[in-house]
Amino acid sequence: MALRPVTPPARDAVSLARVKEDLRVDSDEQDALIEGYLLAAIAEVDGPNGRLGRALIDQTWDLFLDAYPAKGAAIEIPLPPLIEVLGVWTRDENTGAETEVDASTYVVERFFEPARIRTNPKGGSWASGGVRVRFRAGYLDTSWSPPPDAVPENVAAAILLRVRQLHDGLDPAPFDKAIDALLRGLVFHVGLA
């Protein structure tokens, strides 16, 4: 299994304005520095290398598998929560050419953690060869109008704590414990303990 980003989040999980308010910074002189801390704090929790293994803001990814799963098995979609599966493609082992799979031959089970794709019980089968699944994931679906305002509050609070620690040059140890507790709250909340 391999993941490749296609479209990054269109905005930060926590706005620069909210971070500056939390830090009680009124001027724009430190914006670049604070934005760097914010990006580092978000990277600590977001995406496949983040501590949560989740997508925070609407982002598009390609999932590559060397082969379809065995009959009756499912393809698990990483980086919950899933917004939508944009398509599934088979890859010819000899030529590397891709062919899109008809969406009627599979079912997306998006209310599982992680979401998964199975063959349609009314007809459909997995092909041989490699597979690519393109999907959108994140707490915030930016296609909604108007888009929602926030990732889960405990995740935002963890990001704000890390930014404060970095900005103020404080010992990370007490912050690490608080951030762990906040992030465990999310894991417990979605039943992943």
C-alpha atoms as a PDB file:
ATOM      1  CA  MET A   1       0.000   0.000   0.000  1.00  0.00           C
ATOM      2  CA  ALA A   2       1.244   3.463  -0.873  1.00  0.00           C
ATOM      3  CA  LEU A   3      -0.334   6.890  -0.509  1.00  0.00           C
ATOM      4  CA  ARG A   4       0.303   9.935  -2.668  1.00  0.00           C
ATOM      5  CA  PRO A   5      -1.174  13.387  -2.034  1.00  0.00           C
ATOM      6  CA  VAL A   6      -3.134  14.840  -4.958  1.00  0.00           C
ATOM      7  CA  THR A   7      -4.686  18.014  -3.554  1.00  0.00           C
ATOM      8  CA  PRO A   8      -3.521  19.485  -0.230  1.00  0.00           C
ATOM      9  CA  PRO A   9      -5.914  21.159   2.170  1.00  0.00           C
ATOM     10  CA  ALA A  10      -7.108  24.525   0.885  1.00  0.00           C
ATOM     11  CA  ARG A  11      -6.746  26.089   4.330  1.00  0.00           C
ATOM     12  CA  ASP A  12      -5.177  25.473   7.712  1.00  0.00           C
ATOM     13  CA  ALA A  13      -6.937  23.385  10.355  1.00  0.00           C
ATOM     14  CA  VAL A  14      -6.741  26.414  12.664  1.00  0.00           C
ATOM     15  CA  SER A  15      -6.675  29.929  11.270  1.00  0.00           C
ATOM     16  CA  LEU A  16      -3.739  32.266  11.770  1.00  0.00           C
ATOM     17  CA  ALA A  17      -6.190  34.785  13.227  1.00  0.00           C
ATOM     18  CA  ARG A  18      -7.265  32.298  15.913  1.00  0.00           C
ATOM     19  CA  VAL A  19      -3.644  31.465  16.736  1.00  0.00           C
ATOM     20  CA  LYS A  20      -2.738  35.143  17.049  1.00  0.00           C
ATOM     21  CA  GLU A  21      -5.746  35.724  19.285  1.00  0.00           C
ATOM     22  CA  ASP A  22      -4.678  32.792  21.464  1.00  0.00           C
ATOM     23  CA  LEU A  23      -1.121  34.161  21.642  1.00  0.00           C
ATOM     24  CA  ARG A  24      -2.420  37.710  22.218  1.00  0.00           C
ATOM     25  CA  VAL A  25      -0.432  39.010  19.256  1.00  0.00           C
ATOM     26  CA  ASP A  26      -1.944  42.137  17.683  1.00  0.00           C
ATOM     27  CA  SER A  27       0.626  43.057  15.042  1.00  0.00           C
ATOM     28  CA  ASP A  28       1.437  41.370  11.737  1.00  0.00           C
ATOM     29  CA  GLU A  29       5.201  41.475  12.322  1.00  0.00           C
ATOM     30  CA  GLN A  30       5.397  37.853  13.530  1.00  0.00           C
ATOM     31  CA  ASP A  31       2.946  36.377  11.011  1.00  0.00           C
ATOM     32  CA  ALA A  32       5.554  34.408   9.041  1.00  0.00           C
ATOM     33  CA  LEU A  33       7.093  32.986  12.215  1.00  0.00           C
ATOM     34  CA  ILE A  34       3.706  32.087  13.721  1.00  0.00           C
ATOM     35  CA  GLU A  35       2.561  30.558  10.415  1.00  0.00           C
ATOM     36  CA  GLY A  36       5.657  28.327  10.485  1.00  0.00           C
ATOM     37  CA  TYR A  37       4.835  27.161  14.008  1.00  0.00           C
ATOM     38  CA  LEU A  38       1.222  26.595  12.961  1.00  0.00           C
ATOM     39  CA  LEU A  39       2.227  24.470   9.968  1.00  0.00           C
ATOM     40  CA  ALA A  40       4.563  22.399  12.165  1.00  0.00           C
ATOM     41  CA  ALA A  41       1.811  21.873  14.749  1.00  0.00           C
ATOM     42  CA  ILE A  42      -0.689  20.810  12.082  1.00  0.00           C
ATOM     43  CA  ALA A  43       1.828  18.421  10.481  1.00  0.00           C
ATOM     44  CA  GLU A  44       2.303  16.802  13.891  1.00  0.00           C
ATOM     45  CA  VAL A  45      -1.304  15.551  13.858  1.00  0.00           C
ATOM     46  CA  ASP A  46      -2.517  15.617  10.219  1.00  0.00           C
ATOM     47  CA  GLY A  47      -2.118  13.126   7.394  1.00  0.00           C
ATOM     48  CA  PRO A  48      -0.512   9.704   7.143  1.00  0.00           C
ATOM     49  CA  ASN A  49       2.561  10.754   9.138  1.00  0.00           C
ATOM     50  CA  GLY A  50       0.615  12.674  11.761  1.00  0.00           C
ATOM     51  CA  ARG A  51      -0.068  11.319  15.214  1.00  0.00           C
ATOM     52  CA  LEU A  52      -3.758  10.831  14.423  1.00  0.00           C
ATOM     53  CA  GLY A  53      -3.339   9.185  11.025  1.00  0.00           C
ATOM     54  CA  ARG A  54      -6.334  11.260   9.928  1.00  0.00           C
ATOM     55  CA  ALA A  55      -7.105  14.018   7.479  1.00  0.00           C
ATOM     56  CA  LEU A  56      -8.154  17.215   9.217  1.00  0.00           C
ATOM     57  CA  ILE A  57      -9.219  19.414   6.305  1.00  0.00           C
ATOM     58  CA  ASP A  58     -10.641  18.286   2.942  1.00  0.00           C
ATOM     59  CA  GLN A  59      -7.729  16.805   0.960  1.00  0.00           C
ATOM     60  CA  THR A  60      -7.426  14.379  -1.946  1.00  0.00           C
ATOM     61  CA  TRP A  61      -5.202  11.292  -1.959  1.00  0.00           C
ATOM     62  CA  ASP A  62      -4.388   8.344  -4.203  1.00  0.00           C
ATOM     63  CA  LEU A  63      -4.150   4.930  -2.544  1.00  0.00           C
ATOM     64  CA  PHE A  64      -2.108   2.387  -4.522  1.00  0.00           C
ATOM     65  CA  LEU A  65      -2.348  -1.369  -3.982  1.00  0.00           C
ATOM     66  CA  ASP A  66      -0.344  -4.015  -5.815  1.00  0.00           C
ATOM     67  CA  ALA A  67      -3.486  -6.139  -6.184  1.00  0.00           C
ATOM     68  CA  TYR A  68      -7.159  -6.178  -5.292  1.00  0.00           C
ATOM     69  CA  PRO A  69      -7.974  -7.901  -2.008  1.00  0.00           C
ATOM     70  CA  ALA A  70      -9.025 -11.535  -1.891  1.00  0.00           C
ATOM     71  CA  LYS A  71     -12.640 -12.322  -2.724  1.00  0.00           C
ATOM     72  CA  GLY A  72     -14.943 -11.122   0.046  1.00  0.00           C
ATOM     73  CA  ALA A  73     -12.300  -8.798   1.508  1.00  0.00           C
ATOM     74  CA  ALA A  74     -12.451  -5.016   1.411  1.00  0.00           C
ATOM     75  CA  ILE A  75     -10.118  -2.190   0.530  1.00  0.00           C
ATOM     76  CA  GLU A  76      -9.685  -0.038   3.629  1.00  0.00           C
ATOM     77  CA  ILE A  77      -9.435   3.690   2.953  1.00  0.00           C
ATOM     78  CA  PRO A  78      -6.856   5.338   5.228  1.00  0.00           C
ATOM     79  CA  LEU A  79      -6.968   8.875   6.654  1.00  0.00           C
ATOM     80  CA  PRO A  80     -10.470   8.980   8.088  1.00  0.00           C
ATOM     81  CA  PRO A  81     -12.953  10.511   7.963  1.00  0.00           C
ATOM     82  CA  LEU A  82     -13.791   9.740   4.348  1.00  0.00           C
ATOM     83  CA  ILE A  83     -15.664  12.428   2.417  1.00  0.00           C
ATOM     84  CA  GLU A  84     -15.992  10.508  -0.845  1.00  0.00           C
ATOM     85  CA  VAL A  85     -14.364   8.016  -3.181  1.00  0.00           C
ATOM     86  CA  LEU A  86     -13.702   9.800  -6.466  1.00  0.00           C
ATOM     87  CA  GLY A  87     -12.886   6.667  -8.426  1.00  0.00           C
ATOM     88  CA  VAL A  88     -11.191   3.295  -8.624  1.00  0.00           C
ATOM     89  CA  TRP A  89      -8.795   2.330 -11.415  1.00  0.00           C
ATOM     90  CA  THR A  90      -7.201  -0.986 -12.337  1.00  0.00           C
ATOM     91  CA  ARG A  91      -3.632  -1.053 -13.565  1.00  0.00           C
ATOM     92  CA  ASP A  92      -2.547  -3.517 -16.256  1.00  0.00           C
ATOM     93  CA  GLU A  93       0.443  -5.481 -14.959  1.00  0.00           C
ATOM     94  CA  ASN A  94       2.177  -5.505 -18.342  1.00  0.00           C
ATOM     95  CA  THR A  95       1.557  -2.025 -19.753  1.00  0.00           C
ATOM     96  CA  GLY A  96       0.842  -0.003 -16.610  1.00  0.00           C
ATOM     97  CA  ALA A  97      -2.232   1.460 -18.336  1.00  0.00           C
ATOM     98  CA  GLU A  98      -5.144   2.324 -16.063  1.00  0.00           C
ATOM     99  CA  THR A  99      -8.841   1.637 -16.657  1.00  0.00           C
ATOM    100  CA  GLU A 100     -11.539   3.179 -14.473  1.00  0.00           C
ATOM    101  CA  VAL A 101     -13.744   0.668 -12.681  1.00  0.00           C
ATOM    102  CA  ASP A 102     -17.494   1.152 -13.122  1.00  0.00           C
ATOM    103  CA  ALA A 103     -18.806   2.583  -9.845  1.00  0.00           C
ATOM    104  CA  SER A 104     -21.801   0.231  -9.950  1.00  0.00           C
ATOM    105  CA  THR A 105     -19.472  -2.733  -9.331  1.00  0.00           C
ATOM    106  CA  TYR A 106     -18.409  -1.583  -5.859  1.00  0.00           C
ATOM    107  CA  VAL A 107     -19.965  -0.200  -2.694  1.00  0.00           C
ATOM    108  CA  VAL A 108     -18.363   2.400  -0.450  1.00  0.00           C
ATOM    109  CA  GLU A 109     -18.964   1.663   3.225  1.00  0.00           C
ATOM    110  CA  ARG A 110     -18.167   5.142   4.488  1.00  0.00           C
ATOM    111  CA  PHE A 111     -19.605   4.858   7.980  1.00  0.00           C
ATOM    112  CA  PHE A 112     -16.932   2.439   9.167  1.00  0.00           C
ATOM    113  CA  GLU A 113     -13.619   3.525  10.694  1.00  0.00           C
ATOM    114  CA  PRO A 114     -11.749   3.291   8.452  1.00  0.00           C
ATOM    115  CA  ALA A 115     -14.159   3.443   5.521  1.00  0.00           C
ATOM    116  CA  ARG A 116     -13.863   0.642   3.013  1.00  0.00           C
ATOM    117  CA  ILE A 117     -14.788  -0.440  -0.482  1.00  0.00           C
ATOM    118  CA  ARG A 118     -16.309  -3.833  -1.263  1.00  0.00           C
ATOM    119  CA  THR A 119     -17.577  -5.434  -4.432  1.00  0.00           C
ATOM    120  CA  ASN A 120     -21.265  -4.785  -5.017  1.00  0.00           C
ATOM    121  CA  PRO A 121     -23.208  -7.813  -3.696  1.00  0.00           C
ATOM    122  CA  LYS A 122     -25.636  -7.401  -6.628  1.00  0.00           C
ATOM    123  CA  GLY A 123     -22.847  -8.080  -9.073  1.00  0.00           C
ATOM    124  CA  GLY A 124     -19.262  -7.103  -9.397  1.00  0.00           C
ATOM    125  CA  SER A 125     -15.880  -8.618  -8.899  1.00  0.00           C
ATOM    126  CA  TRP A 126     -12.357  -7.432  -8.346  1.00  0.00           C
ATOM    127  CA  ALA A 127     -10.063  -7.433 -11.346  1.00  0.00           C
ATOM    128  CA  SER A 128      -6.525  -8.730 -11.282  1.00  0.00           C
ATOM    129  CA  GLY A 129      -3.540  -6.427 -11.223  1.00  0.00           C
ATOM    130  CA  GLY A 130      -2.851  -3.242  -9.325  1.00  0.00           C
ATOM    131  CA  VAL A 131      -5.428  -0.761  -8.174  1.00  0.00           C
ATOM    132  CA  ARG A 132      -5.586   2.970  -7.487  1.00  0.00           C
ATOM    133  CA  VAL A 133      -8.303   4.551  -5.350  1.00  0.00           C
ATOM    134  CA  ARG A 134      -8.667   8.330  -5.402  1.00  0.00           C
ATOM    135  CA  PHE A 135     -10.499   9.697  -2.381  1.00  0.00           C
ATOM    136  CA  ARG A 136     -11.237  12.866  -0.451  1.00  0.00           C
ATOM    137  CA  ALA A 137     -10.909  12.836   3.318  1.00  0.00           C
ATOM    138  CA  GLY A 138     -11.128  15.282   6.203  1.00  0.00           C
ATOM    139  CA  TYR A 139     -13.375  16.622   8.917  1.00  0.00           C
ATOM    140  CA  LEU A 140     -14.129  19.692   6.851  1.00  0.00           C
ATOM    141  CA  ASP A 141     -15.666  19.181   3.445  1.00  0.00           C
ATOM    142  CA  THR A 142     -14.769  22.484   1.803  1.00  0.00           C
ATOM    143  CA  SER A 143     -17.309  21.870  -0.961  1.00  0.00           C
ATOM    144  CA  TRP A 144     -20.124  22.567   1.514  1.00  0.00           C
ATOM    145  CA  SER A 145     -21.602  26.017   1.261  1.00  0.00           C
ATOM    146  CA  PRO A 146     -20.772  27.673   3.511  1.00  0.00           C
ATOM    147  CA  PRO A 147     -17.882  25.452   4.615  1.00  0.00           C
ATOM    148  CA  PRO A 148     -17.843  24.501   8.307  1.00  0.00           C
ATOM    149  CA  ASP A 149     -15.562  26.442  10.607  1.00  0.00           C
ATOM    150  CA  ALA A 150     -13.641  23.964  12.705  1.00  0.00           C
ATOM    151  CA  VAL A 151     -11.972  20.623  13.089  1.00  0.00           C
ATOM    152  CA  PRO A 152     -12.856  18.875  16.377  1.00  0.00           C
ATOM    153  CA  GLU A 153     -12.169  21.337  19.162  1.00  0.00           C
ATOM    154  CA  ASN A 154      -9.770  19.056  21.044  1.00  0.00           C
ATOM    155  CA  VAL A 155      -7.608  18.804  17.887  1.00  0.00           C
ATOM    156  CA  ALA A 156      -7.669  22.591  17.490  1.00  0.00           C
ATOM    157  CA  ALA A 157      -6.730  22.942  21.172  1.00  0.00           C
ATOM    158  CA  ALA A 158      -3.795  20.522  20.706  1.00  0.00           C
ATOM    159  CA  ILE A 159      -2.566  22.544  17.724  1.00  0.00           C
ATOM    160  CA  LEU A 160      -2.883  25.799  19.673  1.00  0.00           C
ATOM    161  CA  LEU A 161      -0.938  24.335  22.604  1.00  0.00           C
ATOM    162  CA  ARG A 162       1.919  23.236  20.349  1.00  0.00           C
ATOM    163  CA  VAL A 163       2.055  26.653  18.674  1.00  0.00           C
ATOM    164  CA  ARG A 164       2.176  28.334  22.104  1.00  0.00           C
ATOM    165  CA  GLN A 165       4.988  26.042  23.248  1.00  0.00           C
ATOM    166  CA  LEU A 166       7.000  26.731  20.089  1.00  0.00           C
ATOM    167  CA  HIS A 167       6.284  30.478  20.072  1.00  0.00           C
ATOM    168  CA  ASP A 168       7.171  30.979  23.714  1.00  0.00           C
ATOM    169  CA  GLY A 169      10.205  28.633  23.608  1.00  0.00           C
ATOM    170  CA  LEU A 170       8.869  26.551  26.506  1.00  0.00           C
ATOM    171  CA  ASP A 171       9.829  23.047  27.630  1.00  0.00           C
ATOM    172  CA  PRO A 172       7.769  20.669  25.441  1.00  0.00           C
ATOM    173  CA  ALA A 173       7.324  17.941  28.117  1.00  0.00           C
ATOM    174  CA  PRO A 174       4.265  19.369  29.906  1.00  0.00           C
ATOM    175  CA  PHE A 175       2.760  20.360  26.575  1.00  0.00           C
ATOM    176  CA  ASP A 176       3.301  16.850  25.201  1.00  0.00           C
ATOM    177  CA  LYS A 177       1.234  15.383  28.047  1.00  0.00           C
ATOM    178  CA  ALA A 178      -1.598  17.844  27.533  1.00  0.00           C
ATOM    179  CA  ILE A 179      -1.552  17.339  23.759  1.00  0.00           C
ATOM    180  CA  ASP A 180      -1.579  13.551  24.212  1.00  0.00           C
ATOM    181  CA  ALA A 181      -4.621  13.834  26.481  1.00  0.00           C
ATOM    182  CA  LEU A 182      -6.446  16.042  23.988  1.00  0.00           C
ATOM    183  CA  LEU A 183      -5.705  13.713  21.086  1.00  0.00           C
ATOM    184  CA  ARG A 184      -6.645  10.607  23.073  1.00  0.00           C
ATOM    185  CA  GLY A 185     -10.003  12.291  23.603  1.00  0.00           C
ATOM    186  CA  LEU A 186     -10.530  12.249  19.855  1.00  0.00           C
ATOM    187  CA  VAL A 187      -9.437   8.647  19.512  1.00  0.00           C
ATOM    188  CA  PHE A 188     -11.763   7.613  22.340  1.00  0.00           C
ATOM    189  CA  HIS A 189     -14.596   9.694  20.889  1.00  0.00           C
ATOM    190  CA  VAL A 190     -14.509   7.868  17.543  1.00  0.00           C
ATOM    191  CA  GLY A 191     -14.081   4.472  19.190  1.00  0.00           C
ATOM    192  CA  LEU A 192     -10.501   3.754  18.210  1.00  0.00           C
ATOM    193  CA  ALA A 193      -9.054   3.385  21.719  1.00  0.00           C
END
